[in-house]
Amino acid sequence: MARTGLAERVDRLEEMMMRLAYTQMKTEMEIQALKEEMKAFKDEMLEFKNEMKAFKDEMKAFKDEMLEFKNEMKAFKDEMKAFKDEMRAWREEVDKDRKAMNKRWGELANKMGTLVEDIVAPAFPEVIERRFGGDILMQMINVKVKDPEDRHRTKEFDLIAVSEKAVYWCEVKSNPNMECIERFVEALKEKELFRFFPGYRDKELVGVFASLNLPEEVVNYLSRRGVYAMGMKGEYMDILNFEEVRR
């Protein structure tokens, strides 16, 4: 009886030892599996760190390239600004010289009494045909006409050009002032030309005020009064307020 109880305890002890050994082996296997997973994780992390390092290196290289590009662009912009400043100064100087030359040219022509004949009249037909269309059929320069209604009264017209549909009356002044401009505007308003040239009454009357140099305020005033302003535009003469008056 005592032997049987001892055997049972030995059996239970062996069973417990076997369970303990199994549990220990299972634990060791799990620990080994965990170690392998941790090693794989560390390897992945190391690979990730290496990739991140490579990415950071690439980003640094990119930033360095961008910084170099920005510096080059800044240098290019600075050069362009300096170039534009030089060009602006050059143009201002050229414009200044051209205006001075035109002024001297106009003064000389005015002193010689040939401003209309030598400067304005040769350019007038081309300007009119280009701007208004149609051919100039006739042009009169510095013509004096007697008043058909008063033979003791005469009027001198600087420049008249006639096309099929219109007659262009051009007043020319080397040194324009508001008084002479206003007189011309009023004469246009009264259609005074038709008094001396009644044969043109069926045509449209177009007023043009011409000078080598017309200040901006004069051009603006003529535009408001519906009169075309003709002056030097660069190297040639042109209507300076064509669109403004046409509107």
C-alpha atoms as a PDB file:
ATOM      1  CA  MET A   1       0.000   0.000   0.000  1.00  0.00           C
ATOM      2  CA  ALA A   2       2.838   2.335   0.921  1.00  0.00           C
ATOM      3  CA  ARG A   3       4.647   1.270  -2.241  1.00  0.00           C
ATOM      4  CA  THR A   4       1.696   2.131  -4.363  1.00  0.00           C
ATOM      5  CA  GLY A   5       1.450   5.631  -2.866  1.00  0.00           C
ATOM      6  CA  LEU A   6       5.157   6.234  -3.450  1.00  0.00           C
ATOM      7  CA  ALA A   7       4.856   5.076  -7.048  1.00  0.00           C
ATOM      8  CA  GLU A   8       1.988   7.441  -7.650  1.00  0.00           C
ATOM      9  CA  ARG A   9       3.954  10.333  -6.223  1.00  0.00           C
ATOM     10  CA  VAL A  10       6.947   9.397  -8.391  1.00  0.00           C
ATOM     11  CA  ASP A  11       4.701   9.223 -11.447  1.00  0.00           C
ATOM     12  CA  ARG A  12       3.224  12.603 -10.671  1.00  0.00           C
ATOM     13  CA  LEU A  13       6.684  13.995 -10.110  1.00  0.00           C
ATOM     14  CA  GLU A  14       7.871  12.603 -13.438  1.00  0.00           C
ATOM     15  CA  GLU A  15       4.788  14.015 -15.119  1.00  0.00           C
ATOM     16  CA  MET A  16       5.416  17.406 -13.547  1.00  0.00           C
ATOM     17  CA  MET A  17       9.063  17.233 -14.600  1.00  0.00           C
ATOM     18  CA  MET A  18       8.026  16.380 -18.135  1.00  0.00           C
ATOM     19  CA  ARG A  19       5.537  19.235 -18.160  1.00  0.00           C
ATOM     20  CA  LEU A  20       8.196  21.548 -16.765  1.00  0.00           C
ATOM     21  CA  ALA A  21      10.670  20.392 -19.407  1.00  0.00           C
ATOM     22  CA  TYR A  22       8.066  20.844 -22.151  1.00  0.00           C
ATOM     23  CA  THR A  23       7.156  24.267 -20.850  1.00  0.00           C
ATOM     24  CA  GLN A  24      10.828  25.209 -20.643  1.00  0.00           C
ATOM     25  CA  MET A  25      11.456  23.929 -24.159  1.00  0.00           C
ATOM     26  CA  LYS A  26       8.396  25.780 -25.468  1.00  0.00           C
ATOM     27  CA  THR A  27       9.510  28.921 -23.716  1.00  0.00           C
ATOM     28  CA  GLU A  28      12.995  28.594 -25.159  1.00  0.00           C
ATOM     29  CA  MET A  29      11.482  28.105 -28.641  1.00  0.00           C
ATOM     30  CA  GLU A  30       9.289  31.124 -28.208  1.00  0.00           C
ATOM     31  CA  ILE A  31      12.239  33.142 -26.941  1.00  0.00           C
ATOM     32  CA  GLN A  32      14.291  31.957 -29.909  1.00  0.00           C
ATOM     33  CA  ALA A  33      11.475  32.894 -32.303  1.00  0.00           C
ATOM     34  CA  LEU A  34      11.198  36.297 -30.594  1.00  0.00           C
ATOM     35  CA  LYS A  35      14.959  36.772 -30.893  1.00  0.00           C
ATOM     36  CA  GLU A  36      14.782  35.941 -34.590  1.00  0.00           C
ATOM     37  CA  GLU A  37      11.882  38.378 -35.052  1.00  0.00           C
ATOM     38  CA  MET A  38      13.794  41.059 -33.147  1.00  0.00           C
ATOM     39  CA  LYS A  39      16.858  40.411 -35.297  1.00  0.00           C
ATOM     40  CA  ALA A  40      14.762  40.673 -38.473  1.00  0.00           C
ATOM     41  CA  PHE A  41      13.192  43.873 -37.096  1.00  0.00           C
ATOM     42  CA  LYS A  42      16.628  45.285 -36.268  1.00  0.00           C
ATOM     43  CA  ASP A  43      17.838  44.369 -39.745  1.00  0.00           C
ATOM     44  CA  GLU A  44      14.800  46.093 -41.275  1.00  0.00           C
ATOM     45  CA  MET A  45      15.364  49.103 -39.049  1.00  0.00           C
ATOM     46  CA  LEU A  46      19.016  49.209 -40.050  1.00  0.00           C
ATOM     47  CA  GLU A  47      18.040  48.996 -43.705  1.00  0.00           C
ATOM     48  CA  PHE A  48      15.439  51.737 -43.158  1.00  0.00           C
ATOM     49  CA  LYS A  49      18.024  53.925 -41.402  1.00  0.00           C
ATOM     50  CA  ASN A  50      20.420  53.389 -44.287  1.00  0.00           C
ATOM     51  CA  GLU A  51      17.693  54.305 -46.769  1.00  0.00           C
ATOM     52  CA  MET A  52      16.807  57.383 -44.700  1.00  0.00           C
ATOM     53  CA  LYS A  53      20.455  58.363 -44.603  1.00  0.00           C
ATOM     54  CA  ALA A  54      20.706  57.965 -48.355  1.00  0.00           C
ATOM     55  CA  PHE A  55      17.498  60.003 -48.738  1.00  0.00           C
ATOM     56  CA  LYS A  56      18.840  62.718 -46.440  1.00  0.00           C
ATOM     57  CA  ASP A  57      22.060  62.774 -48.416  1.00  0.00           C
ATOM     58  CA  GLU A  58      20.071  63.110 -51.639  1.00  0.00           C
ATOM     59  CA  MET A  59      17.938  65.874 -50.093  1.00  0.00           C
ATOM     60  CA  LYS A  60      21.036  67.693 -48.943  1.00  0.00           C
ATOM     61  CA  ALA A  61      22.527  67.420 -52.406  1.00  0.00           C
ATOM     62  CA  PHE A  62      19.216  68.670 -53.873  1.00  0.00           C
ATOM     63  CA  LYS A  63      19.102  71.579 -51.421  1.00  0.00           C
ATOM     64  CA  ASP A  64      22.699  72.420 -52.269  1.00  0.00           C
ATOM     65  CA  GLU A  65      21.828  72.369 -55.979  1.00  0.00           C
ATOM     66  CA  MET A  66      18.746  74.518 -55.354  1.00  0.00           C
ATOM     67  CA  LEU A  67      20.799  76.974 -53.317  1.00  0.00           C
ATOM     68  CA  GLU A  68      23.365  77.141 -56.103  1.00  0.00           C
ATOM     69  CA  PHE A  69      20.553  77.617 -58.653  1.00  0.00           C
ATOM     70  CA  LYS A  70      19.005  80.403 -56.534  1.00  0.00           C
ATOM     71  CA  ASN A  71      22.367  82.101 -56.261  1.00  0.00           C
ATOM     72  CA  GLU A  72      22.832  81.837 -60.025  1.00  0.00           C
ATOM     73  CA  MET A  73      19.305  83.193 -60.595  1.00  0.00           C
ATOM     74  CA  LYS A  74      19.965  86.072 -58.220  1.00  0.00           C
ATOM     75  CA  ALA A  75      23.186  86.877 -60.027  1.00  0.00           C
ATOM     76  CA  PHE A  76      21.321  86.651 -63.364  1.00  0.00           C
ATOM     77  CA  LYS A  77      18.535  88.953 -62.088  1.00  0.00           C
ATOM     78  CA  ASP A  78      21.099  91.409 -60.799  1.00  0.00           C
ATOM     79  CA  GLU A  79      22.817  91.381 -64.195  1.00  0.00           C
ATOM     80  CA  MET A  80      19.462  91.835 -65.981  1.00  0.00           C
ATOM     81  CA  LYS A  81      18.533  94.712 -63.683  1.00  0.00           C
ATOM     82  CA  ALA A  82      21.875  96.373 -64.327  1.00  0.00           C
ATOM     83  CA  PHE A  83      21.372  95.811 -68.069  1.00  0.00           C
ATOM     84  CA  LYS A  84      17.840  97.262 -67.959  1.00  0.00           C
ATOM     85  CA  ASP A  85      19.070 100.255 -65.990  1.00  0.00           C
ATOM     86  CA  GLU A  86      21.806 100.808 -68.568  1.00  0.00           C
ATOM     87  CA  MET A  87      19.302 100.443 -71.431  1.00  0.00           C
ATOM     88  CA  ARG A  88      16.857 102.822 -69.729  1.00  0.00           C
ATOM     89  CA  ALA A  89      19.597 105.387 -69.202  1.00  0.00           C
ATOM     90  CA  TRP A  90      20.721 104.932 -72.811  1.00  0.00           C
ATOM     91  CA  ARG A  91      17.173 105.352 -74.137  1.00  0.00           C
ATOM     92  CA  GLU A  92      16.602 108.425 -72.007  1.00  0.00           C
ATOM     93  CA  GLU A  93      19.831 109.879 -73.332  1.00  0.00           C
ATOM     94  CA  VAL A  94      18.880 109.016 -76.914  1.00  0.00           C
ATOM     95  CA  ASP A  95      15.376 110.474 -76.447  1.00  0.00           C
ATOM     96  CA  LYS A  96      16.884 113.583 -74.921  1.00  0.00           C
ATOM     97  CA  ASP A  97      19.320 113.948 -77.821  1.00  0.00           C
ATOM     98  CA  ARG A  98      16.541 113.244 -80.369  1.00  0.00           C
ATOM     99  CA  LYS A  99      14.227 115.819 -78.803  1.00  0.00           C
ATOM    100  CA  ALA A 100      17.022 118.356 -78.723  1.00  0.00           C
ATOM    101  CA  MET A 101      17.853 117.594 -82.350  1.00  0.00           C
ATOM    102  CA  ASN A 102      14.204 117.859 -83.392  1.00  0.00           C
ATOM    103  CA  LYS A 103      13.884 121.115 -81.494  1.00  0.00           C
ATOM    104  CA  ARG A 104      16.973 122.561 -83.197  1.00  0.00           C
ATOM    105  CA  TRP A 105      15.746 121.218 -86.508  1.00  0.00           C
ATOM    106  CA  GLY A 106      12.356 122.858 -85.999  1.00  0.00           C
ATOM    107  CA  GLU A 107      13.900 126.138 -84.869  1.00  0.00           C
ATOM    108  CA  LEU A 108      16.155 126.190 -87.909  1.00  0.00           C
ATOM    109  CA  ALA A 109      13.292 125.339 -90.247  1.00  0.00           C
ATOM    110  CA  ASN A 110      11.128 127.965 -88.559  1.00  0.00           C
ATOM    111  CA  LYS A 111      13.837 130.620 -88.959  1.00  0.00           C
ATOM    112  CA  MET A 112      14.153 129.738 -92.604  1.00  0.00           C
ATOM    113  CA  GLY A 113      10.374 129.632 -92.989  1.00  0.00           C
ATOM    114  CA  THR A 114      10.461 126.097 -94.353  1.00  0.00           C
ATOM    115  CA  LEU A 115       8.946 124.028 -91.496  1.00  0.00           C
ATOM    116  CA  VAL A 116       5.852 123.245 -93.536  1.00  0.00           C
ATOM    117  CA  GLU A 117       7.575 122.694 -96.878  1.00  0.00           C
ATOM    118  CA  ASP A 118      10.644 120.758 -95.725  1.00  0.00           C
ATOM    119  CA  ILE A 119       9.385 118.727 -92.774  1.00  0.00           C
ATOM    120  CA  VAL A 120       5.615 118.437 -92.392  1.00  0.00           C
ATOM    121  CA  ALA A 121       4.367 118.506 -95.997  1.00  0.00           C
ATOM    122  CA  PRO A 122       6.562 115.628 -97.279  1.00  0.00           C
ATOM    123  CA  ALA A 123       5.355 113.347 -94.461  1.00  0.00           C
ATOM    124  CA  PHE A 124       1.704 114.459 -94.421  1.00  0.00           C
ATOM    125  CA  PRO A 125       0.269 112.426 -97.369  1.00  0.00           C
ATOM    126  CA  GLU A 126       1.890 109.193 -96.177  1.00  0.00           C
ATOM    127  CA  VAL A 127       0.641 109.686 -92.627  1.00  0.00           C
ATOM    128  CA  ILE A 128      -2.901 110.499 -93.773  1.00  0.00           C
ATOM    129  CA  GLU A 129      -3.096 107.587 -96.221  1.00  0.00           C
ATOM    130  CA  ARG A 130      -1.688 105.125 -93.666  1.00  0.00           C
ATOM    131  CA  ARG A 131      -3.915 106.286 -90.825  1.00  0.00           C
ATOM    132  CA  PHE A 132      -7.178 107.088 -92.631  1.00  0.00           C
ATOM    133  CA  GLY A 133      -6.943 105.066 -95.837  1.00  0.00           C
ATOM    134  CA  GLY A 134      -7.646 106.316 -99.347  1.00  0.00           C
ATOM    135  CA  ASP A 135      -5.376 108.242-101.668  1.00  0.00           C
ATOM    136  CA  ILE A 136      -4.478 111.910-101.355  1.00  0.00           C
ATOM    137  CA  LEU A 137      -5.656 113.446-104.636  1.00  0.00           C
ATOM    138  CA  MET A 138      -4.300 116.944-104.048  1.00  0.00           C
ATOM    139  CA  GLN A 139      -2.156 118.814-101.546  1.00  0.00           C
ATOM    140  CA  MET A 140      -1.831 122.579-101.067  1.00  0.00           C
ATOM    141  CA  ILE A 141       1.004 124.193 -99.105  1.00  0.00           C
ATOM    142  CA  ASN A 142       1.051 127.733 -97.692  1.00  0.00           C
ATOM    143  CA  VAL A 143      -1.851 128.783 -99.861  1.00  0.00           C
ATOM    144  CA  LYS A 144      -3.462 132.240 -99.490  1.00  0.00           C
ATOM    145  CA  VAL A 145      -7.127 132.446-100.409  1.00  0.00           C
ATOM    146  CA  LYS A 146      -9.468 135.438-100.696  1.00  0.00           C
ATOM    147  CA  ASP A 147     -12.795 135.282 -98.911  1.00  0.00           C
ATOM    148  CA  PRO A 148     -15.441 134.794-101.630  1.00  0.00           C
ATOM    149  CA  GLU A 149     -17.824 136.931 -99.573  1.00  0.00           C
ATOM    150  CA  ASP A 150     -15.279 139.623 -98.687  1.00  0.00           C
ATOM    151  CA  ARG A 151     -12.574 140.202-101.296  1.00  0.00           C
ATOM    152  CA  HIS A 152     -10.597 142.392 -98.900  1.00  0.00           C
ATOM    153  CA  ARG A 153     -10.110 139.462 -96.528  1.00  0.00           C
ATOM    154  CA  THR A 154      -7.551 136.720 -97.125  1.00  0.00           C
ATOM    155  CA  LYS A 155      -6.551 133.665 -95.116  1.00  0.00           C
ATOM    156  CA  GLU A 156      -3.427 131.546 -95.312  1.00  0.00           C
ATOM    157  CA  PHE A 157      -3.681 127.804 -94.897  1.00  0.00           C
ATOM    158  CA  ASP A 158      -0.484 125.986 -93.931  1.00  0.00           C
ATOM    159  CA  LEU A 159      -1.385 122.619 -95.397  1.00  0.00           C
ATOM    160  CA  ILE A 160      -4.482 121.107 -96.994  1.00  0.00           C
ATOM    161  CA  ALA A 161      -4.778 117.561 -98.342  1.00  0.00           C
ATOM    162  CA  VAL A 162      -7.828 116.316-100.231  1.00  0.00           C
ATOM    163  CA  SER A 163      -8.985 112.732-100.644  1.00  0.00           C
ATOM    164  CA  GLU A 164     -12.123 111.386-102.271  1.00  0.00           C
ATOM    165  CA  LYS A 165     -14.179 111.586 -99.069  1.00  0.00           C
ATOM    166  CA  ALA A 166     -12.392 114.060 -96.785  1.00  0.00           C
ATOM    167  CA  VAL A 167     -10.385 117.247 -96.671  1.00  0.00           C
ATOM    168  CA  TYR A 168      -7.573 117.422 -94.107  1.00  0.00           C
ATOM    169  CA  TRP A 169      -6.738 120.841 -92.732  1.00  0.00           C
ATOM    170  CA  CYS A 170      -3.352 120.939 -91.026  1.00  0.00           C
ATOM    171  CA  GLU A 171      -2.157 123.857 -88.933  1.00  0.00           C
ATOM    172  CA  VAL A 172       1.630 123.853 -88.381  1.00  0.00           C
ATOM    173  CA  LYS A 173       3.446 125.645 -85.532  1.00  0.00           C
ATOM    174  CA  SER A 174       7.072 125.311 -84.482  1.00  0.00           C
ATOM    175  CA  ASN A 175       6.343 126.618 -80.967  1.00  0.00           C
ATOM    176  CA  PRO A 176       2.666 125.862 -80.253  1.00  0.00           C
ATOM    177  CA  ASN A 177       0.788 127.720 -77.531  1.00  0.00           C
ATOM    178  CA  MET A 178      -2.741 127.347 -76.237  1.00  0.00           C
ATOM    179  CA  GLU A 179      -3.907 130.589 -77.878  1.00  0.00           C
ATOM    180  CA  CYS A 180      -3.043 129.501 -81.408  1.00  0.00           C
ATOM    181  CA  ILE A 181      -4.376 126.005 -80.714  1.00  0.00           C
ATOM    182  CA  GLU A 182      -7.686 127.383 -79.463  1.00  0.00           C
ATOM    183  CA  ARG A 183      -8.008 129.621 -82.538  1.00  0.00           C
ATOM    184  CA  PHE A 184      -7.523 126.584 -84.778  1.00  0.00           C
ATOM    185  CA  VAL A 185     -10.022 124.529 -82.771  1.00  0.00           C
ATOM    186  CA  GLU A 186     -12.641 127.274 -83.114  1.00  0.00           C
ATOM    187  CA  ALA A 187     -11.947 127.645 -86.847  1.00  0.00           C
ATOM    188  CA  LEU A 188     -12.529 123.896 -87.240  1.00  0.00           C
ATOM    189  CA  LYS A 189     -15.692 124.116 -85.192  1.00  0.00           C
ATOM    190  CA  GLU A 190     -16.990 126.882 -87.491  1.00  0.00           C
ATOM    191  CA  LYS A 191     -15.836 124.893 -90.564  1.00  0.00           C
ATOM    192  CA  GLU A 192     -14.037 128.024 -91.724  1.00  0.00           C
ATOM    193  CA  LEU A 193     -12.228 126.145 -94.472  1.00  0.00           C
ATOM    194  CA  PHE A 194     -15.498 125.625 -96.347  1.00  0.00           C
ATOM    195  CA  ARG A 195     -15.988 129.411 -96.444  1.00  0.00           C
ATOM    196  CA  PHE A 196     -12.813 129.709 -98.537  1.00  0.00           C
ATOM    197  CA  PHE A 197     -13.212 126.388-100.354  1.00  0.00           C
ATOM    198  CA  PRO A 198     -16.962 125.962-100.825  1.00  0.00           C
ATOM    199  CA  GLY A 199     -16.377 123.198-103.330  1.00  0.00           C
ATOM    200  CA  TYR A 200     -15.336 120.871-100.494  1.00  0.00           C
ATOM    201  CA  ARG A 201     -18.531 121.227 -98.445  1.00  0.00           C
ATOM    202  CA  ASP A 202     -19.630 117.701 -99.362  1.00  0.00           C
ATOM    203  CA  LYS A 203     -16.480 116.206 -97.774  1.00  0.00           C
ATOM    204  CA  GLU A 204     -15.690 115.408 -94.168  1.00  0.00           C
ATOM    205  CA  LEU A 205     -13.464 118.042 -92.524  1.00  0.00           C
ATOM    206  CA  VAL A 206     -10.607 116.570 -90.477  1.00  0.00           C
ATOM    207  CA  GLY A 207      -8.421 118.852 -88.343  1.00  0.00           C
ATOM    208  CA  VAL A 208      -4.729 118.120 -87.728  1.00  0.00           C
ATOM    209  CA  PHE A 209      -2.433 120.245 -85.582  1.00  0.00           C
ATOM    210  CA  ALA A 210       1.251 119.591 -86.351  1.00  0.00           C
ATOM    211  CA  SER A 211       4.559 120.418 -84.712  1.00  0.00           C
ATOM    212  CA  LEU A 212       7.858 118.635 -84.285  1.00  0.00           C
ATOM    213  CA  ASN A 213       7.468 118.438 -80.515  1.00  0.00           C
ATOM    214  CA  LEU A 214       4.053 118.431 -78.862  1.00  0.00           C
ATOM    215  CA  PRO A 215       3.935 118.310 -75.045  1.00  0.00           C
ATOM    216  CA  GLU A 216       1.723 115.617 -73.559  1.00  0.00           C
ATOM    217  CA  GLU A 217      -0.707 118.159 -72.126  1.00  0.00           C
ATOM    218  CA  VAL A 218      -1.149 119.702 -75.588  1.00  0.00           C
ATOM    219  CA  VAL A 219      -1.816 116.282 -77.138  1.00  0.00           C
ATOM    220  CA  ASN A 220      -4.357 115.504 -74.403  1.00  0.00           C
ATOM    221  CA  TYR A 221      -6.091 118.849 -74.935  1.00  0.00           C
ATOM    222  CA  LEU A 222      -6.299 118.292 -78.701  1.00  0.00           C
ATOM    223  CA  SER A 223      -7.711 114.818 -78.063  1.00  0.00           C
ATOM    224  CA  ARG A 224     -10.477 116.262 -75.864  1.00  0.00           C
ATOM    225  CA  ARG A 225     -11.310 118.778 -78.607  1.00  0.00           C
ATOM    226  CA  GLY A 226     -11.400 116.110 -81.325  1.00  0.00           C
ATOM    227  CA  VAL A 227      -8.324 117.359 -83.176  1.00  0.00           C
ATOM    228  CA  TYR A 228      -5.547 115.043 -84.351  1.00  0.00           C
ATOM    229  CA  ALA A 229      -2.030 115.837 -83.115  1.00  0.00           C
ATOM    230  CA  MET A 230       0.833 115.188 -85.525  1.00  0.00           C
ATOM    231  CA  GLY A 231       4.415 115.186 -84.328  1.00  0.00           C
ATOM    232  CA  MET A 232       7.683 113.297 -84.258  1.00  0.00           C
ATOM    233  CA  LYS A 233       7.355 109.695 -83.101  1.00  0.00           C
ATOM    234  CA  GLY A 234      10.863 108.315 -82.919  1.00  0.00           C
ATOM    235  CA  GLU A 235      12.458 108.870 -86.307  1.00  0.00           C
ATOM    236  CA  TYR A 236       9.291 109.775 -88.230  1.00  0.00           C
ATOM    237  CA  MET A 237       6.133 111.862 -88.027  1.00  0.00           C
ATOM    238  CA  ASP A 238       2.829 110.292 -87.062  1.00  0.00           C
ATOM    239  CA  ILE A 239      -0.581 110.992 -85.537  1.00  0.00           C
ATOM    240  CA  LEU A 240       0.069 110.857 -81.790  1.00  0.00           C
ATOM    241  CA  ASN A 241      -3.553 110.579 -80.592  1.00  0.00           C
ATOM    242  CA  PHE A 242      -5.201 108.663 -83.427  1.00  0.00           C
ATOM    243  CA  GLU A 243      -7.048 106.104 -81.294  1.00  0.00           C
ATOM    244  CA  GLU A 244      -8.104 108.659 -78.672  1.00  0.00           C
ATOM    245  CA  VAL A 245      -9.732 110.963 -81.230  1.00  0.00           C
ATOM    246  CA  ARG A 246     -11.255 108.105 -83.234  1.00  0.00           C
ATOM    247  CA  ARG A 247     -13.001 106.885 -80.076  1.00  0.00           C
END
